Amino acid sequence: AALARVQDYIFTKDRLKIYFDTRNGMLGADYSTKFSPWLAHGNVSPRLIAKECQRYEQERGIQNKSTYWVVFELLWRDYCKFFCLKHGNHVFYPHGILTGTRQEPQGEEASWKVYEPVLEAWKQGKTGYPLVDANMREMRATGFMSNR
């Protein structure tokens, strides 16, 4: 399925050439690559996708902001992955990687509050903020959410 998605997105549907213009979309199967689940589970490698982008550029004669940006975002993904490997669970703490350092906020500034009704509204896509609600409903329905 992973290789089929790469083939379909890049070559069959020819979406790579317009990725930069569509990547901020909110709904639908093809506004972004949707490679994430297969990358996360190791079913496809960033290297293979980058090579396919390069092959696309050579075969189709198209080298633009879109072909560059897919590869750039793969690099950004790897940076974030290594950042998390370095800092471990601290990235999920209320003050992130500052936890346990002299820069960690103290006192009232450091308190972390959880309001169950607000949390539940967020999870259900019923916050009253249309952008937030649409993203949460999309994630519940499809497993994907725009990073915008």
C-alpha atoms as a PDB file:
ATOM      1  CA  ALA A   1       0.000   0.000   0.000  1.00  0.00           C
ATOM      2  CA  ALA A   2       2.856   2.395   0.820  1.00  0.00           C
ATOM      3  CA  LEU A   3       4.591   1.970  -2.516  1.00  0.00           C
ATOM      4  CA  ALA A   4       1.243   2.192  -4.279  1.00  0.00           C
ATOM      5  CA  ARG A   5       0.525   5.515  -2.575  1.00  0.00           C
ATOM      6  CA  VAL A   6       3.931   6.902  -3.562  1.00  0.00           C
ATOM      7  CA  GLN A   7       3.387   5.799  -7.169  1.00  0.00           C
ATOM      8  CA  ASP A   8      -0.187   7.069  -7.230  1.00  0.00           C
ATOM      9  CA  TYR A   9       0.516  10.481  -5.715  1.00  0.00           C
ATOM     10  CA  ILE A  10       3.725  11.254  -7.580  1.00  0.00           C
ATOM     11  CA  PHE A  11       3.259   9.633 -10.986  1.00  0.00           C
ATOM     12  CA  THR A  12      -0.303   8.445 -11.617  1.00  0.00           C
ATOM     13  CA  LYS A  13      -2.176  11.500 -10.305  1.00  0.00           C
ATOM     14  CA  ASP A  14       0.776  13.787 -11.010  1.00  0.00           C
ATOM     15  CA  ARG A  15       0.212  15.674  -7.734  1.00  0.00           C
ATOM     16  CA  LEU A  16       3.877  16.270  -6.900  1.00  0.00           C
ATOM     17  CA  LYS A  17       4.161  19.242  -9.246  1.00  0.00           C
ATOM     18  CA  ILE A  18       1.448  21.158  -7.334  1.00  0.00           C
ATOM     19  CA  TYR A  19       2.210  19.985  -3.801  1.00  0.00           C
ATOM     20  CA  PHE A  20       3.391  23.395  -2.579  1.00  0.00           C
ATOM     21  CA  ASP A  21       0.123  25.005  -3.663  1.00  0.00           C
ATOM     22  CA  THR A  22      -2.157  22.322  -2.223  1.00  0.00           C
ATOM     23  CA  ARG A  23      -0.313  21.274   0.951  1.00  0.00           C
ATOM     24  CA  ASN A  24      -2.227  23.726   3.138  1.00  0.00           C
ATOM     25  CA  GLY A  25      -5.547  22.155   2.186  1.00  0.00           C
ATOM     26  CA  MET A  26      -7.844  20.919   4.869  1.00  0.00           C
ATOM     27  CA  LEU A  27      -9.961  18.146   3.368  1.00  0.00           C
ATOM     28  CA  GLY A  28      -9.527  15.391   0.840  1.00  0.00           C
ATOM     29  CA  ALA A  29      -7.217  12.586  -0.138  1.00  0.00           C
ATOM     30  CA  ASP A  30      -4.780  14.458  -2.337  1.00  0.00           C
ATOM     31  CA  TYR A  31      -4.148  17.910  -0.887  1.00  0.00           C
ATOM     32  CA  SER A  32      -1.014  16.471   0.709  1.00  0.00           C
ATOM     33  CA  THR A  33       1.092  13.362   0.198  1.00  0.00           C
ATOM     34  CA  LYS A  34      -0.439  11.359   3.063  1.00  0.00           C
ATOM     35  CA  PHE A  35       2.811   9.375   3.308  1.00  0.00           C
ATOM     36  CA  SER A  36       2.940   9.805   7.101  1.00  0.00           C
ATOM     37  CA  PRO A  37       1.525   6.481   8.331  1.00  0.00           C
ATOM     38  CA  TRP A  38       3.804   4.463   6.081  1.00  0.00           C
ATOM     39  CA  LEU A  39       6.838   6.542   7.006  1.00  0.00           C
ATOM     40  CA  ALA A  40       6.017   6.235  10.711  1.00  0.00           C
ATOM     41  CA  HIS A  41       5.739   2.453  10.524  1.00  0.00           C
ATOM     42  CA  GLY A  42       8.781   1.995   8.305  1.00  0.00           C
ATOM     43  CA  ASN A  43       6.792   0.698   5.339  1.00  0.00           C
ATOM     44  CA  VAL A  44       8.455   3.253   3.090  1.00  0.00           C
ATOM     45  CA  SER A  45      11.631   5.221   3.654  1.00  0.00           C
ATOM     46  CA  PRO A  46      12.228   8.955   3.284  1.00  0.00           C
ATOM     47  CA  ARG A  47      15.137   8.038   1.019  1.00  0.00           C
ATOM     48  CA  LEU A  48      12.881   6.122  -1.377  1.00  0.00           C
ATOM     49  CA  ILE A  49      10.395   9.012  -1.544  1.00  0.00           C
ATOM     50  CA  ALA A  50      13.223  11.493  -2.153  1.00  0.00           C
ATOM     51  CA  LYS A  51      14.578   9.270  -4.938  1.00  0.00           C
ATOM     52  CA  GLU A  52      11.128   9.031  -6.495  1.00  0.00           C
ATOM     53  CA  CYS A  53      10.846  12.826  -6.373  1.00  0.00           C
ATOM     54  CA  GLN A  54      14.211  13.050  -8.118  1.00  0.00           C
ATOM     55  CA  ARG A  55      13.110  10.486 -10.721  1.00  0.00           C
ATOM     56  CA  TYR A  56       9.928  12.495 -11.281  1.00  0.00           C
ATOM     57  CA  GLU A  57      11.969  15.658 -11.862  1.00  0.00           C
ATOM     58  CA  GLN A  58      14.155  13.874 -14.420  1.00  0.00           C
ATOM     59  CA  GLU A  59      11.398  11.986 -16.237  1.00  0.00           C
ATOM     60  CA  ARG A  60       8.815  14.779 -16.318  1.00  0.00           C
ATOM     61  CA  GLY A  61      11.257  17.645 -16.668  1.00  0.00           C
ATOM     62  CA  ILE A  62       9.624  19.428 -13.728  1.00  0.00           C
ATOM     63  CA  GLN A  63      11.779  20.759 -10.929  1.00  0.00           C
ATOM     64  CA  ASN A  64       9.956  23.387  -8.920  1.00  0.00           C
ATOM     65  CA  LYS A  65       9.086  24.571  -5.430  1.00  0.00           C
ATOM     66  CA  SER A  66       6.749  21.595  -4.994  1.00  0.00           C
ATOM     67  CA  THR A  67       9.301  18.907  -5.821  1.00  0.00           C
ATOM     68  CA  TYR A  68      11.793  20.627  -3.513  1.00  0.00           C
ATOM     69  CA  TRP A  69       9.299  21.073  -0.696  1.00  0.00           C
ATOM     70  CA  VAL A  70       8.340  17.390  -0.363  1.00  0.00           C
ATOM     71  CA  VAL A  71      12.001  16.488   0.136  1.00  0.00           C
ATOM     72  CA  PHE A  72      12.516  19.449   2.496  1.00  0.00           C
ATOM     73  CA  GLU A  73       9.609  18.279   4.644  1.00  0.00           C
ATOM     74  CA  LEU A  74      11.093  14.780   4.778  1.00  0.00           C
ATOM     75  CA  LEU A  75      14.278  16.366   6.140  1.00  0.00           C
ATOM     76  CA  TRP A  76      12.237  18.381   8.649  1.00  0.00           C
ATOM     77  CA  ARG A  77      10.468  15.170   9.719  1.00  0.00           C
ATOM     78  CA  ASP A  78      13.812  13.485  10.357  1.00  0.00           C
ATOM     79  CA  TYR A  79      15.056  16.504  12.327  1.00  0.00           C
ATOM     80  CA  CYS A  80      11.975  16.327  14.556  1.00  0.00           C
ATOM     81  CA  LYS A  81      12.384  12.588  14.999  1.00  0.00           C
ATOM     82  CA  PHE A  82      16.015  12.956  16.102  1.00  0.00           C
ATOM     83  CA  PHE A  83      15.101  15.894  18.358  1.00  0.00           C
ATOM     84  CA  CYS A  84      12.566  13.651  20.098  1.00  0.00           C
ATOM     85  CA  LEU A  85      15.072  10.809  20.354  1.00  0.00           C
ATOM     86  CA  LYS A  86      17.518  13.187  22.015  1.00  0.00           C
ATOM     87  CA  HIS A  87      15.041  14.703  24.472  1.00  0.00           C
ATOM     88  CA  GLY A  88      12.806  11.698  25.092  1.00  0.00           C
ATOM     89  CA  ASN A  89       9.543  12.158  26.971  1.00  0.00           C
ATOM     90  CA  HIS A  90      10.488  15.705  27.945  1.00  0.00           C
ATOM     91  CA  VAL A  91       8.981  16.920  24.674  1.00  0.00           C
ATOM     92  CA  PHE A  92       5.567  15.980  26.138  1.00  0.00           C
ATOM     93  CA  TYR A  93       6.043  17.665  29.522  1.00  0.00           C
ATOM     94  CA  PRO A  94       4.222  20.936  30.224  1.00  0.00           C
ATOM     95  CA  HIS A  95       7.437  22.913  29.720  1.00  0.00           C
ATOM     96  CA  GLY A  96       8.999  20.597  27.204  1.00  0.00           C
ATOM     97  CA  ILE A  97      12.742  20.251  27.152  1.00  0.00           C
ATOM     98  CA  LEU A  98      13.088  23.073  29.694  1.00  0.00           C
ATOM     99  CA  THR A  99      11.800  20.706  32.394  1.00  0.00           C
ATOM    100  CA  GLY A 100      14.468  20.243  35.039  1.00  0.00           C
ATOM    101  CA  THR A 101      16.600  23.136  33.791  1.00  0.00           C
ATOM    102  CA  ARG A 102      17.166  26.634  35.127  1.00  0.00           C
ATOM    103  CA  GLN A 103      14.967  27.985  32.317  1.00  0.00           C
ATOM    104  CA  GLU A 104      11.909  26.017  33.486  1.00  0.00           C
ATOM    105  CA  PRO A 105       9.118  28.401  34.525  1.00  0.00           C
ATOM    106  CA  GLN A 106       8.379  28.522  38.251  1.00  0.00           C
ATOM    107  CA  GLY A 107       5.354  29.331  40.383  1.00  0.00           C
ATOM    108  CA  GLU A 108       1.968  30.140  38.844  1.00  0.00           C
ATOM    109  CA  GLU A 109       3.553  30.366  35.416  1.00  0.00           C
ATOM    110  CA  ALA A 110       4.567  26.718  35.747  1.00  0.00           C
ATOM    111  CA  SER A 111       1.158  25.301  36.673  1.00  0.00           C
ATOM    112  CA  TRP A 112      -0.557  22.971  34.246  1.00  0.00           C
ATOM    113  CA  LYS A 113      -4.317  22.758  34.400  1.00  0.00           C
ATOM    114  CA  VAL A 114      -6.644  20.281  32.755  1.00  0.00           C
ATOM    115  CA  TYR A 115     -10.288  21.189  32.391  1.00  0.00           C
ATOM    116  CA  GLU A 116     -12.072  17.970  31.463  1.00  0.00           C
ATOM    117  CA  PRO A 117     -15.056  19.616  29.708  1.00  0.00           C
ATOM    118  CA  VAL A 118     -12.719  21.696  27.524  1.00  0.00           C
ATOM    119  CA  LEU A 119     -10.540  18.681  26.770  1.00  0.00           C
ATOM    120  CA  GLU A 120     -13.586  16.603  25.838  1.00  0.00           C
ATOM    121  CA  ALA A 121     -14.962  19.383  23.593  1.00  0.00           C
ATOM    122  CA  TRP A 122     -11.585  19.542  21.835  1.00  0.00           C
ATOM    123  CA  LYS A 123     -11.499  15.771  21.309  1.00  0.00           C
ATOM    124  CA  GLN A 124     -15.054  15.798  19.948  1.00  0.00           C
ATOM    125  CA  GLY A 125     -14.473  18.764  17.623  1.00  0.00           C
ATOM    126  CA  LYS A 126     -16.938  20.941  19.511  1.00  0.00           C
ATOM    127  CA  THR A 127     -14.838  23.839  20.792  1.00  0.00           C
ATOM    128  CA  GLY A 128     -16.717  26.522  18.904  1.00  0.00           C
ATOM    129  CA  TYR A 129     -13.599  27.376  16.884  1.00  0.00           C
ATOM    130  CA  PRO A 130     -14.393  26.260  13.305  1.00  0.00           C
ATOM    131  CA  LEU A 131     -10.794  25.579  12.248  1.00  0.00           C
ATOM    132  CA  VAL A 132     -10.038  23.504  15.344  1.00  0.00           C
ATOM    133  CA  ASP A 133     -13.344  21.656  15.151  1.00  0.00           C
ATOM    134  CA  ALA A 134     -12.971  20.842  11.450  1.00  0.00           C
ATOM    135  CA  ASN A 135      -9.475  19.450  12.020  1.00  0.00           C
ATOM    136  CA  MET A 136     -10.528  17.306  14.952  1.00  0.00           C
ATOM    137  CA  ARG A 137     -13.518  15.909  13.055  1.00  0.00           C
ATOM    138  CA  GLU A 138     -11.311  15.176  10.031  1.00  0.00           C
ATOM    139  CA  MET A 139      -8.850  13.332  12.243  1.00  0.00           C
ATOM    140  CA  ARG A 140     -11.615  11.267  13.846  1.00  0.00           C
ATOM    141  CA  ALA A 141     -13.110  10.382  10.467  1.00  0.00           C
ATOM    142  CA  THR A 142      -9.967   9.699   8.432  1.00  0.00           C
ATOM    143  CA  GLY A 143      -6.969   9.466  10.762  1.00  0.00           C
ATOM    144  CA  PHE A 144      -5.422  12.497   9.029  1.00  0.00           C
ATOM    145  CA  MET A 145      -5.338  16.140   9.933  1.00  0.00           C
ATOM    146  CA  SER A 146      -3.784  19.074   8.158  1.00  0.00           C
ATOM    147  CA  ASN A 147      -0.859  20.568  10.041  1.00  0.00           C
ATOM    148  CA  ARG A 148      -2.217  24.020   9.294  1.00  0.00           C
END
